[in-house]
C-alpha atoms as a PDB file:
ATOM      1  CA  UNK A   1       9.579   8.746  -9.275  1.00  0.00           C
ATOM      2  CA  UNK A   2      11.508   5.491  -9.315  1.00  0.00           C
ATOM      3  CA  UNK A   3      11.968   5.604  -5.241  1.00  0.00           C
ATOM      4  CA  UNK A   4       7.898   5.913  -5.302  1.00  0.00           C
ATOM      5  CA  UNK A   5       7.236   3.080  -7.665  1.00  0.00           C
ATOM      6  CA  UNK A   6       9.571   0.905  -5.525  1.00  0.00           C
ATOM      7  CA  UNK A   7       7.864   2.234  -2.194  1.00  0.00           C
ATOM      8  CA  UNK A   8       4.464   1.133  -3.425  1.00  0.00           C
ATOM      9  CA  UNK A   9       5.616  -2.054  -4.706  1.00  0.00           C
ATOM     10  CA  UNK A  10       7.066  -3.172  -1.108  1.00  0.00           C
ATOM     11  CA  UNK A  11       4.302  -1.750   0.624  1.00  0.00           C
ATOM     12  CA  UNK A  12       1.888  -3.829  -1.507  1.00  0.00           C
ATOM     13  CA  UNK A  13       4.118  -6.733  -0.995  1.00  0.00           C
ATOM     14  CA  UNK A  14       4.194  -6.482   2.922  1.00  0.00           C
ATOM     15  CA  UNK A  15       0.315  -6.001   2.775  1.00  0.00           C
ATOM     16  CA  UNK A  16       0.151  -9.417   0.710  1.00  0.00           C
ATOM     17  CA  UNK A  17       2.351 -10.997   2.810  1.00  0.00           C
ATOM     18  CA  UNK A  18       0.118 -10.149   6.165  1.00  0.00           C
ATOM     19  CA  UNK A  19      -2.621 -11.651   4.181  1.00  0.00           C
ATOM     20  CA  UNK A  20      -0.817 -15.041   3.521  1.00  0.00           C
ATOM     21  CA  UNK A  21      -0.017 -15.056   7.261  1.00  0.00           C
ATOM     22  CA  UNK A  22      -3.663 -14.359   8.173  1.00  0.00           C
ATOM     23  CA  UNK A  23      -4.515 -17.329   5.834  1.00  0.00           C
ATOM     24  CA  UNK A  24      -1.889 -19.795   7.167  1.00  0.00           C
ATOM     25  CA  UNK A  25      -2.324 -18.963  10.672  1.00  0.00           C
ATOM     26  CA  UNK A  26      -5.803 -17.421  11.204  1.00  0.00           C
ATOM     27  CA  UNK A  27      -4.704 -15.132  13.396  1.00  0.00           C
ATOM     28  CA  UNK A  28      -6.760 -11.541  12.908  1.00  0.00           C
ATOM     29  CA  UNK A  29      -3.910  -9.539  13.902  1.00  0.00           C
ATOM     30  CA  UNK A  30      -2.150 -10.479  10.556  1.00  0.00           C
ATOM     31  CA  UNK A  31      -5.457  -9.149   8.543  1.00  0.00           C
ATOM     32  CA  UNK A  32      -5.502  -6.066  10.415  1.00  0.00           C
ATOM     33  CA  UNK A  33      -1.758  -5.303   9.734  1.00  0.00           C
ATOM     34  CA  UNK A  34      -2.820  -5.892   6.021  1.00  0.00           C
ATOM     35  CA  UNK A  35      -5.523  -3.769   5.856  1.00  0.00           C
ATOM     36  CA  UNK A  36      -3.867  -1.024   7.429  1.00  0.00           C
ATOM     37  CA  UNK A  37      -0.978  -1.388   5.291  1.00  0.00           C
ATOM     38  CA  UNK A  38      -2.941  -1.613   2.162  1.00  0.00           C
ATOM     39  CA  UNK A  39      -5.269   1.412   3.268  1.00  0.00           C
ATOM     40  CA  UNK A  40      -2.478   3.664   3.727  1.00  0.00           C
ATOM     41  CA  UNK A  41      -0.478   2.515   0.705  1.00  0.00           C
ATOM     42  CA  UNK A  42      -3.732   3.658  -1.409  1.00  0.00           C
ATOM     43  CA  UNK A  43      -4.102   6.886   0.392  1.00  0.00           C
ATOM     44  CA  UNK A  44      -0.289   7.580  -0.687  1.00  0.00           C
ATOM     45  CA  UNK A  45      -0.983   6.340  -4.199  1.00  0.00           C
ATOM     46  CA  UNK A  46      -3.820   8.409  -4.566  1.00  0.00           C
ATOM     47  CA  UNK A  47      -2.212  11.886  -3.182  1.00  0.00           C
ATOM     48  CA  UNK A  48       1.024  11.160  -5.341  1.00  0.00           C
ATOM     49  CA  UNK A  49      -1.202  10.699  -8.513  1.00  0.00           C
ATOM     50  CA  UNK A  50      -3.296  14.079  -7.499  1.00  0.00           C
ATOM     51  CA  UNK A  51      -0.149  15.740  -7.322  1.00  0.00           C
ATOM     52  CA  UNK A  52       1.015  14.590 -10.583  1.00  0.00           C
ATOM     53  CA  UNK A  53      -2.440  15.810 -12.300  1.00  0.00           C
ATOM     54  CA  UNK A  54      -2.221  19.233 -10.598  1.00  0.00           C
ATOM     55  CA  UNK A  55       1.446  19.759 -11.821  1.00  0.00           C
ATOM     56  CA  UNK A  56       0.640  18.836 -15.442  1.00  0.00           C
ATOM     57  CA  UNK A  57      -2.773  21.206 -15.025  1.00  0.00           C
ATOM     58  CA  UNK A  58      -0.870  24.521 -13.582  1.00  0.00           C
END
């Protein structure tokens, strides 16, 4: 559980850094990296919480 929290924090931080690089340089590739990282982080988080909910129900 603690490992998952740290992984989510680091991935969100990486997405934020990509957006800061995009704001600083204006290069679209950093915006794309940030959005892709954010998308997969949110998908992983939703899957993790869905598994937790299913475990509590069963």
